[in-house]
Amino acid sequence: MSAAVKDDLTTGGMAEHFRNLAIPAAFGMLFSTLYNVVDVYWAGRLSTEAQAGLAIGFQAFFILMAVGFGLGSAMSALVSNAKGKKDDKSTRRIAAQGLSFGVLATLSFMVIGWIGGPYLIQLVSEEGGYRDAATGYFRFLIFALPGFFLAYGGNGILQAHGDSRSLQRGLMAAFFLNIGLNPLLMFGIPGVWDGMGFNGIAVSTIISQTLVMLWIMSRIFKLDMMSGIKRSEFVPDLGTYREIVAQLLPSSTAMIVMFVSGFVVQYALKGFGEEAIAAYGVALRIEQILLLPVLGMTGALLPIAGQNFGAEAFDRVRDALWFCWKIGFAMSVIAMPALWFGGRFAMGLFTEDDAVIDIGVSYLRVDAFLFPIYMMLFAINSLLQGLKRPVWTLWISIYRQGFGVAFFIYVFISLLGFDVWGVWLGIAVAVTTGWIIALFIAARIAGEEIGGLRSAAA
């Protein structure tokens, strides 16, 4: 039985395709973010030290996760392009090879993470309780890597077929499972088992994310193209692996740069105490919740642009970008005042520490002005990936999140003598200048590939 999805994105209205892809994806990411919010909540029930350890340990883990996210983007772009060309043989070949590639990459990065992760944590923390908490949490979390890699890589295949609902359902189930597993594994059963303490949060993630991965795999193998597939089709083929790596490497490296940027921020914040690190970790979760509709919308742009680019329907590629931007600006009108005026209430849901709340509110108020800029940047990244030019997403990221964040934070703190506000303003200047560069790049690449960014719909 095949998955019941409408997988041809080269015909029909843009609003329908974005609705079918973006809404389930946004709900899936909502529950993924709420999953992390549950972790932050329970860590806060232990101490501010535990919240700081969670923020740093999870940031180190997400550097490894960059390959999983990159694999998802690569599979979405490559499979959607093959589908747009109506090339069923290539579609099946790329999907099978992507799954075998994901298995090999997972095993490799588990080893790399086990060895290198603790060194990353040492760079951005001071010796003491919160560093020890971060290291122990990270070491447990390594065993969740197969679930994350194969779930998100496999989701790229489903997304290219117009299916973003399967991951949504898996993440919803994981969220509700996590609500029960976190307190159970942390505090145990009175009189029977004392629990695992802080590390119980990581073990809960291992269990729930592995189940999500198994669900995604079951959905992939119900696709029509996977009917009657043979084991030999999963044997590594170097030519196809090179295709995958060529699409994966720029987007994964861009993600790694983004996560390294997070470490740069945390390195700068450690001079202001563990309250600043904890505040940044909590504020990021709040920011992510409000960005979810934007991420769903801009994520939907990738398979829509990819299929239509493969079909050489260039007007539809342009129409998709402008539709995405218009809806994104409407979302910004709602999100910006929510970040500015609602930040203190939202921070208070996770901590009673006044210092943590005040620092988090300052970050969210700067973030309010950056919201529409993030939206346009995410859309440009999806467009470039859909046009099979992902290397430009890497260069944009290297400037904005590699050089820009470190340089401008240095300027505001070391040269101009700002306090924690210097970190937030450094991020803001890096994001804004990166957005300007991205617009120029997008216009140039669109001119080469699809005749420019402007369309009749725009």
Protein backbone atom coordinates (compact mmCIF):
# COMPACT_ATOMS: atom_id res chain seq x y z
CA MET A 1 0.00 0.00 0.00
CA SER A 2 1.47 3.36 -0.97
CA ALA A 3 1.42 6.50 1.09
CA ALA A 4 -1.58 8.67 0.23
CA VAL A 5 0.10 11.94 -0.68
CA LYS A 6 -0.30 14.44 -3.50
CA ASP A 7 3.26 14.43 -4.75
CA ASP A 8 3.12 16.45 -7.99
CA LEU A 9 4.01 20.04 -7.08
CA THR A 10 4.39 21.22 -10.69
CA THR A 11 0.65 21.80 -11.13
CA GLY A 12 -2.05 23.33 -8.97
CA GLY A 13 -2.19 26.47 -6.85
CA MET A 14 0.73 27.64 -4.74
CA ALA A 15 -1.49 28.30 -1.75
CA GLU A 16 -2.64 24.67 -1.77
CA HIS A 17 0.89 23.26 -1.99
CA PHE A 18 2.24 25.54 0.74
CA ARG A 19 -0.73 24.72 2.96
CA ASN A 20 -0.30 20.96 2.47
CA LEU A 21 3.44 21.09 3.14
CA ALA A 22 3.95 24.01 5.52
CA ILE A 23 1.19 23.47 8.06
CA PRO A 24 2.07 19.85 8.92
CA ALA A 25 5.78 20.74 8.93
CA ALA A 26 5.19 23.68 11.25
CA PHE A 27 3.13 21.53 13.62
CA GLY A 28 5.85 18.90 13.55
CA MET A 29 8.48 21.49 14.43
CA LEU A 30 6.17 22.90 17.09
CA PHE A 31 6.08 19.58 18.86
CA SER A 32 9.82 19.17 18.34
CA THR A 33 10.39 22.54 20.00
CA LEU A 34 7.86 21.79 22.74
CA TYR A 35 9.78 18.56 23.26
CA ASN A 36 12.86 20.65 24.00
CA VAL A 37 10.79 23.01 26.14
CA VAL A 38 9.78 20.05 28.30
CA ASP A 39 13.47 19.20 28.73
CA VAL A 40 14.27 22.81 29.71
CA TYR A 41 11.36 22.81 32.18
CA TRP A 42 12.45 19.65 33.97
CA ALA A 43 16.10 20.73 34.01
CA GLY A 44 14.95 23.96 35.64
CA ARG A 45 13.20 21.97 38.33
CA LEU A 46 16.65 20.72 39.32
CA SER A 47 18.66 23.97 39.16
CA THR A 48 19.93 26.85 37.01
CA GLU A 49 23.15 24.83 36.79
CA ALA A 50 21.23 21.97 35.15
CA GLN A 51 19.60 24.37 32.66
CA ALA A 52 23.01 25.76 31.71
CA GLY A 53 24.37 22.21 31.29
CA LEU A 54 21.41 21.30 29.09
CA ALA A 55 21.96 24.37 26.87
CA ILE A 56 25.65 23.61 26.32
CA GLY A 57 25.32 19.83 25.96
CA PHE A 58 22.50 20.17 23.44
CA GLN A 59 24.45 22.76 21.44
CA ALA A 60 27.38 20.32 21.15
CA PHE A 61 25.02 17.55 20.05
CA PHE A 62 23.47 19.77 17.41
CA ILE A 63 26.82 20.22 15.69
CA LEU A 64 26.66 16.47 14.97
CA MET A 65 23.02 16.82 13.99
CA ALA A 66 24.02 19.22 11.22
CA VAL A 67 24.77 16.25 8.98
CA GLY A 68 21.31 14.80 9.64
CA PHE A 69 19.61 18.09 8.75
CA GLY A 70 21.87 18.43 5.71
CA LEU A 71 20.97 14.93 4.58
CA GLY A 72 17.28 15.82 4.85
CA SER A 73 17.80 18.93 2.70
CA ALA A 74 19.90 16.98 0.20
CA MET A 75 17.32 14.23 -0.19
CA SER A 76 14.48 16.73 -0.52
CA ALA A 77 16.34 18.65 -3.25
CA LEU A 78 17.65 15.65 -5.21
CA VAL A 79 14.51 13.51 -5.02
CA SER A 80 12.22 16.46 -5.83
CA ASN A 81 14.35 17.39 -8.85
CA ALA A 82 14.21 13.79 -10.12
CA LYS A 83 10.45 13.70 -9.58
CA GLY A 84 10.03 17.00 -11.41
CA LYS A 85 11.80 15.41 -14.41
CA LYS A 86 9.46 12.38 -14.13
CA ASP A 87 12.55 10.16 -13.76
CA ASP A 88 11.24 7.32 -11.56
CA LYS A 89 14.43 5.27 -11.81
CA SER A 90 16.62 8.13 -10.54
CA THR A 91 14.08 8.95 -7.82
CA ARG A 92 14.26 5.42 -6.42
CA ARG A 93 18.05 5.20 -6.78
CA ILE A 94 18.66 8.44 -4.90
CA ALA A 95 16.23 7.48 -2.11
CA ALA A 96 17.80 4.05 -1.53
CA GLN A 97 21.32 5.40 -1.63
CA GLY A 98 20.37 8.22 0.72
CA LEU A 99 19.20 5.72 3.34
CA SER A 100 22.37 3.63 3.14
CA PHE A 101 24.47 6.80 3.24
CA GLY A 102 22.58 7.85 6.38
CA VAL A 103 23.44 4.59 8.17
CA LEU A 104 27.16 4.89 7.43
CA ALA A 105 27.25 8.59 8.35
CA THR A 106 25.48 7.88 11.64
CA LEU A 107 28.04 5.29 12.75
CA SER A 108 30.94 7.56 11.80
CA PHE A 109 29.63 10.59 13.65
CA MET A 110 28.79 8.63 16.78
CA VAL A 111 32.50 7.83 17.09
CA ILE A 112 33.53 11.41 16.27
CA GLY A 113 31.07 12.81 18.78
CA TRP A 114 32.09 10.48 21.58
CA ILE A 115 35.72 11.55 21.23
CA GLY A 116 35.39 15.23 20.34
CA GLY A 117 32.20 16.38 22.09
CA PRO A 118 33.65 16.84 25.59
CA TYR A 119 36.41 19.07 24.18
CA LEU A 120 33.83 21.37 22.60
CA ILE A 121 31.99 21.61 25.91
CA GLN A 122 35.20 22.54 27.73
CA LEU A 123 35.76 25.46 25.35
CA VAL A 124 32.53 27.21 26.30
CA SER A 125 32.20 26.41 29.98
CA GLU A 126 33.99 26.93 33.24
CA GLU A 127 35.10 23.98 35.36
CA GLY A 128 32.38 22.90 37.75
CA GLY A 129 28.91 21.45 38.05
CA TYR A 130 27.31 22.75 34.88
CA ARG A 131 30.22 21.54 32.72
CA ASP A 132 29.98 18.07 34.29
CA ALA A 133 26.22 18.04 33.71
CA ALA A 134 26.67 19.03 30.06
CA THR A 135 29.30 16.35 29.41
CA GLY A 136 27.27 13.53 30.97
CA TYR A 137 24.12 14.60 29.13
CA PHE A 138 25.99 14.79 25.80
CA ARG A 139 27.56 11.32 26.20
CA PHE A 140 24.13 9.74 26.71
CA LEU A 141 22.63 11.73 23.87
CA ILE A 142 25.13 10.29 21.37
CA PHE A 143 22.99 7.13 21.31
CA ALA A 144 20.03 9.16 20.02
CA LEU A 145 22.01 10.10 16.91
CA PRO A 146 20.73 7.18 14.72
CA GLY A 147 17.16 8.22 15.42
CA PHE A 148 17.80 11.84 14.47
CA PHE A 149 19.97 11.14 11.39
CA LEU A 150 17.68 8.62 9.75
CA ALA A 151 14.43 10.33 10.75
CA TYR A 152 15.40 13.70 9.28
CA GLY A 153 17.23 12.22 6.30
CA GLY A 154 14.22 10.01 5.57
CA ASN A 155 11.88 12.95 5.98
CA GLY A 156 13.62 14.62 3.03
CA ILE A 157 12.46 11.71 0.84
CA LEU A 158 8.90 12.01 2.11
CA GLN A 159 8.88 15.78 1.77
CA ALA A 160 9.95 15.48 -1.89
CA HIS A 161 6.79 13.38 -2.36
CA GLY A 162 4.61 16.09 -0.80
CA ASP A 163 4.43 14.34 2.59
CA SER A 164 5.30 16.44 5.61
CA ARG A 165 2.57 14.90 7.78
CA SER A 166 4.42 11.71 8.68
CA LEU A 167 7.18 13.51 10.57
CA GLN A 168 4.57 15.74 12.19
CA ARG A 169 2.75 12.72 13.60
CA GLY A 170 5.98 11.12 14.77
CA LEU A 171 7.13 14.27 16.57
CA MET A 172 3.72 14.73 18.19
CA ALA A 173 3.89 11.21 19.58
CA ALA A 174 7.47 11.78 20.78
CA PHE A 175 6.42 14.96 22.59
CA PHE A 176 3.68 13.25 24.60
CA LEU A 177 5.96 10.30 25.33
CA ASN A 178 8.64 12.69 26.58
CA ILE A 179 6.20 14.32 29.00
CA GLY A 180 5.88 10.99 30.79
CA LEU A 181 9.41 9.68 30.36
CA ASN A 182 11.27 12.76 31.62
CA PRO A 183 10.00 12.74 35.23
CA LEU A 184 9.93 8.94 35.31
CA LEU A 185 13.57 8.53 34.23
CA MET A 186 14.80 11.53 36.25
CA PHE A 187 13.09 10.80 39.57
CA GLY A 188 12.22 7.12 39.26
CA ILE A 189 9.44 5.36 41.12
CA PRO A 190 9.30 6.07 44.88
CA GLY A 191 10.30 3.01 46.85
CA VAL A 192 11.22 1.05 43.74
CA TRP A 193 13.88 2.99 41.76
CA ASP A 194 15.64 6.29 42.43
CA GLY A 195 15.88 7.35 38.78
CA MET A 196 18.80 8.70 36.76
CA GLY A 197 18.67 12.38 37.67
CA PHE A 198 19.60 14.88 34.97
CA ASN A 199 20.75 12.18 32.52
CA GLY A 200 17.21 10.79 32.44
CA ILE A 201 16.37 13.64 30.04
CA ALA A 202 18.88 12.26 27.52
CA VAL A 203 17.65 8.67 27.86
CA SER A 204 14.08 9.85 27.23
CA THR A 205 15.32 11.41 23.98
CA ILE A 206 17.04 8.18 22.93
CA ILE A 207 13.84 6.16 23.35
CA SER A 208 11.42 8.61 21.76
CA GLN A 209 13.58 9.64 18.79
CA THR A 210 14.37 6.01 17.91
CA LEU A 211 10.64 5.36 17.69
CA VAL A 212 10.22 8.39 15.40
CA MET A 213 12.92 7.01 13.12
CA LEU A 214 11.21 3.61 12.88
CA TRP A 215 7.93 5.34 12.00
CA ILE A 216 9.55 7.40 9.22
CA MET A 217 11.21 4.31 7.76
CA SER A 218 7.86 2.51 7.68
CA ARG A 219 6.34 5.42 5.74
CA ILE A 220 9.16 5.49 3.20
CA PHE A 221 8.81 1.80 2.41
CA LYS A 222 5.08 2.32 1.71
CA LEU A 223 5.83 4.73 -1.14
CA ASP A 224 5.03 3.39 -4.61
CA MET A 225 8.61 3.79 -5.77
CA MET A 226 9.88 1.48 -2.99
CA SER A 227 7.64 -1.41 -4.03
CA GLY A 228 9.75 -4.50 -4.75
CA ILE A 229 13.04 -2.77 -3.94
CA LYS A 230 16.03 -5.11 -3.63
CA ARG A 231 18.83 -5.19 -1.08
CA SER A 232 21.39 -4.65 -3.82
CA GLU A 233 19.95 -1.19 -4.45
CA PHE A 234 21.17 -0.08 -1.02
CA VAL A 235 24.76 -1.16 -1.67
CA PRO A 236 26.86 2.04 -1.74
CA ASP A 237 27.27 3.48 -5.22
CA LEU A 238 30.08 6.03 -5.29
CA GLY A 239 28.54 8.06 -8.10
CA THR A 240 25.26 8.54 -6.24
CA TYR A 241 27.09 9.14 -2.96
CA ARG A 242 29.00 11.95 -4.68
CA GLU A 243 25.68 13.48 -5.77
CA ILE A 244 24.40 13.32 -2.21
CA VAL A 245 27.60 14.71 -0.70
CA ALA A 246 27.70 17.55 -3.25
CA GLN A 247 24.22 18.63 -2.10
CA LEU A 248 24.68 17.74 1.58
CA LEU A 249 28.10 19.21 2.28
CA PRO A 250 27.32 22.91 1.78
CA SER A 251 24.06 22.79 3.75
CA SER A 252 25.56 20.64 6.53
CA THR A 253 28.63 22.83 6.76
CA ALA A 254 26.39 25.89 6.91
CA MET A 255 24.52 24.23 9.78
CA ILE A 256 27.79 23.41 11.54
CA VAL A 257 28.85 27.03 11.16
CA MET A 258 25.51 28.03 12.69
CA PHE A 259 26.01 25.76 15.68
CA VAL A 260 29.62 26.85 16.08
CA SER A 261 28.23 30.38 16.10
CA GLY A 262 26.12 29.29 19.06
CA PHE A 263 29.30 28.25 20.83
CA VAL A 264 30.85 31.65 20.05
CA VAL A 265 27.84 33.29 21.68
CA GLN A 266 28.07 31.00 24.70
CA TYR A 267 31.82 31.64 24.96
CA ALA A 268 31.09 35.38 25.08
CA LEU A 269 28.28 34.85 27.59
CA LYS A 270 30.32 32.75 30.01
CA GLY A 271 32.03 35.94 31.15
CA PHE A 272 28.65 37.12 32.42
CA GLY A 273 27.95 33.97 34.50
CA GLU A 274 25.82 30.86 34.26
CA GLU A 275 22.66 33.00 34.45
CA ALA A 276 23.49 34.46 31.03
CA ILE A 277 24.05 31.01 29.51
CA ALA A 278 20.81 29.68 31.02
CA ALA A 279 18.90 32.76 29.79
CA TYR A 280 20.18 32.30 26.25
CA GLY A 281 19.15 28.62 26.27
CA VAL A 282 15.62 29.42 27.46
CA ALA A 283 15.19 32.44 25.14
CA LEU A 284 16.23 30.35 22.13
CA ARG A 285 13.37 27.93 22.83
CA ILE A 286 10.89 30.81 22.98
CA GLU A 287 12.27 32.25 19.75
CA GLN A 288 12.00 28.85 18.05
CA ILE A 289 8.32 28.52 18.92
CA LEU A 290 7.48 31.81 17.20
CA LEU A 291 9.71 30.96 14.21
CA LEU A 292 7.93 27.66 13.60
CA PRO A 293 5.32 28.92 11.11
CA VAL A 294 8.11 30.68 9.20
CA LEU A 295 10.27 27.55 9.20
CA GLY A 296 7.34 25.49 7.96
CA MET A 297 6.65 27.97 5.16
CA THR A 298 10.27 28.38 4.05
CA GLY A 299 10.89 24.63 4.36
CA ALA A 300 7.94 23.96 2.04
CA LEU A 301 9.56 26.22 -0.54
CA LEU A 302 12.43 23.74 -1.08
CA PRO A 303 10.49 20.79 -2.61
CA ILE A 304 8.13 23.15 -4.47
CA ALA A 305 11.04 25.05 -6.02
CA GLY A 306 12.97 21.80 -6.57
CA GLN A 307 10.22 19.99 -8.47
CA ASN A 308 9.35 23.01 -10.62
CA PHE A 309 13.01 23.71 -11.35
CA GLY A 310 13.40 20.08 -12.45
CA ALA A 311 10.33 20.49 -14.67
CA GLU A 312 11.76 23.81 -16.01
CA ALA A 313 8.63 25.64 -14.83
CA PHE A 314 10.64 28.72 -13.88
CA ASP A 315 7.67 31.06 -13.46
CA ARG A 316 6.32 28.73 -10.78
CA VAL A 317 9.68 28.79 -8.98
CA ARG A 318 9.55 32.58 -8.82
CA ASP A 319 5.87 32.59 -7.83
CA ALA A 320 6.66 30.18 -4.99
CA LEU A 321 9.39 32.45 -3.59
CA TRP A 322 7.23 35.57 -3.62
CA PHE A 323 4.24 33.75 -2.13
CA CYS A 324 6.52 32.51 0.66
CA TRP A 325 7.81 36.02 1.38
CA LYS A 326 4.34 37.58 1.43
CA ILE A 327 3.02 35.07 3.96
CA GLY A 328 6.25 35.39 5.95
CA PHE A 329 5.81 39.15 6.34
CA ALA A 330 2.24 38.62 7.55
CA MET A 331 3.57 36.22 10.19
CA SER A 332 6.19 38.79 11.24
CA VAL A 333 3.46 41.35 12.01
CA ILE A 334 2.18 38.98 14.69
CA ALA A 335 5.51 37.65 16.00
CA MET A 336 7.39 40.93 16.46
CA PRO A 337 5.12 42.46 19.15
CA ALA A 338 4.78 39.05 20.80
CA LEU A 339 8.56 38.88 21.27
CA TRP A 340 8.81 42.48 22.47
CA PHE A 341 5.89 42.59 24.91
CA GLY A 342 5.51 38.92 25.87
CA GLY A 343 9.14 38.00 26.53
CA ARG A 344 9.05 38.48 30.32
CA PHE A 345 5.94 36.35 30.73
CA ALA A 346 7.40 33.61 28.51
CA MET A 347 10.74 33.57 30.35
CA GLY A 348 8.90 33.35 33.67
CA LEU A 349 7.32 30.06 32.60
CA PHE A 350 10.73 28.37 32.72
CA THR A 351 12.61 29.97 35.57
CA GLU A 352 12.07 31.99 38.74
CA ASP A 353 15.59 33.44 38.64
CA ASP A 354 15.15 37.21 38.09
CA ALA A 355 18.62 37.60 36.58
CA VAL A 356 17.92 34.86 34.02
CA ILE A 357 14.57 36.46 33.13
CA ASP A 358 16.04 39.96 32.66
CA ILE A 359 18.84 38.73 30.39
CA GLY A 360 16.46 36.58 28.34
CA VAL A 361 14.05 39.50 27.84
CA SER A 362 16.87 41.67 26.46
CA TYR A 363 17.69 39.00 23.87
CA LEU A 364 14.05 38.58 22.80
CA ARG A 365 13.59 42.32 22.27
CA VAL A 366 16.53 42.47 19.87
CA ASP A 367 15.22 39.32 18.22
CA ALA A 368 11.86 40.99 17.53
CA PHE A 369 13.51 43.31 15.00
CA LEU A 370 15.39 40.42 13.36
CA PHE A 371 12.32 38.25 12.80
CA PRO A 372 11.44 39.31 9.21
CA ILE A 373 15.12 39.23 8.27
CA TYR A 374 15.41 35.62 9.45
CA MET A 375 12.32 34.81 7.39
CA MET A 376 13.84 36.14 4.17
CA LEU A 377 17.16 34.42 4.85
CA PHE A 378 15.50 31.03 5.39
CA ALA A 379 13.55 31.42 2.15
CA ILE A 380 16.68 32.31 0.20
CA ASN A 381 18.44 29.21 1.55
CA SER A 382 15.52 26.99 0.44
CA LEU A 383 15.48 28.61 -3.00
CA LEU A 384 19.22 28.07 -3.50
CA GLN A 385 18.92 24.43 -2.44
CA GLY A 386 15.95 23.90 -4.75
CA LEU A 387 18.01 25.33 -7.62
CA LYS A 388 20.80 22.85 -6.73
CA ARG A 389 23.16 25.67 -5.82
CA PRO A 390 23.54 24.98 -2.08
CA VAL A 391 27.18 26.07 -1.91
CA TRP A 392 25.97 29.68 -1.71
CA THR A 393 24.06 28.91 1.48
CA LEU A 394 27.45 27.92 2.91
CA TRP A 395 29.14 31.20 1.96
CA ILE A 396 26.26 33.21 3.37
CA SER A 397 26.47 31.23 6.60
CA ILE A 398 30.25 31.54 6.86
CA TYR A 399 29.95 35.32 6.71
CA ARG A 400 26.87 35.73 8.89
CA GLN A 401 27.41 33.06 11.52
CA GLY A 402 31.12 32.42 11.23
CA PHE A 403 32.91 35.73 10.76
CA GLY A 404 30.07 38.16 11.44
CA VAL A 405 28.90 36.98 14.85
CA ALA A 406 32.42 36.65 16.28
CA PHE A 407 33.65 39.95 14.81
CA PHE A 408 30.72 42.13 15.78
CA ILE A 409 30.43 40.66 19.29
CA TYR A 410 34.14 41.43 19.71
CA VAL A 411 33.56 45.00 18.53
CA PHE A 412 30.67 45.64 20.90
CA ILE A 413 32.17 43.95 23.98
CA SER A 414 35.95 44.30 23.72
CA LEU A 415 36.21 47.61 21.84
CA LEU A 416 33.05 49.46 22.87
CA GLY A 417 32.73 48.01 26.39
CA PHE A 418 29.11 46.82 26.22
CA ASP A 419 27.74 44.30 28.73
CA VAL A 420 25.55 41.35 27.67
CA TRP A 421 23.73 43.70 25.29
CA GLY A 422 26.91 43.69 23.20
CA VAL A 423 26.36 40.00 22.43
CA TRP A 424 22.80 40.60 21.23
CA LEU A 425 23.76 43.66 19.15
CA GLY A 426 26.68 41.77 17.60
CA ILE A 427 24.26 39.04 16.50
CA ALA A 428 21.89 41.67 15.10
CA VAL A 429 24.51 43.39 12.95
CA ALA A 430 25.81 40.05 11.64
CA VAL A 431 22.30 38.89 10.69
CA THR A 432 21.37 42.16 9.01
CA THR A 433 24.52 42.44 6.90
CA GLY A 434 24.26 38.73 6.03
CA TRP A 435 20.71 39.31 4.79
CA ILE A 436 21.87 42.09 2.45
CA ILE A 437 24.58 39.83 1.00
CA ALA A 438 22.08 36.96 0.63
CA LEU A 439 19.70 39.14 -1.38
CA PHE A 440 22.43 40.01 -3.88
CA ILE A 441 23.46 36.34 -4.20
CA ALA A 442 19.88 35.14 -4.67
CA ALA A 443 19.26 37.73 -7.38
CA ARG A 444 22.41 36.72 -9.24
CA ILE A 445 21.81 32.94 -9.07
CA ALA A 446 18.15 33.35 -10.01
CA GLY A 447 19.24 35.41 -13.02
CA GLU A 448 21.51 32.57 -14.16
CA GLU A 449 19.10 29.69 -13.51
CA ILE A 450 15.50 30.91 -13.89
CA GLY A 451 15.69 34.33 -15.51
CA GLY A 452 15.63 36.43 -12.33
CA LEU A 453 13.63 36.77 -9.13
CA ARG A 454 10.85 38.99 -10.43
CA SER A 455 7.61 37.41 -11.58
CA ALA A 456 4.17 38.52 -12.67
CA ALA A 457 2.77 37.47 -9.28
CA ALA A 458 5.32 39.65 -7.48
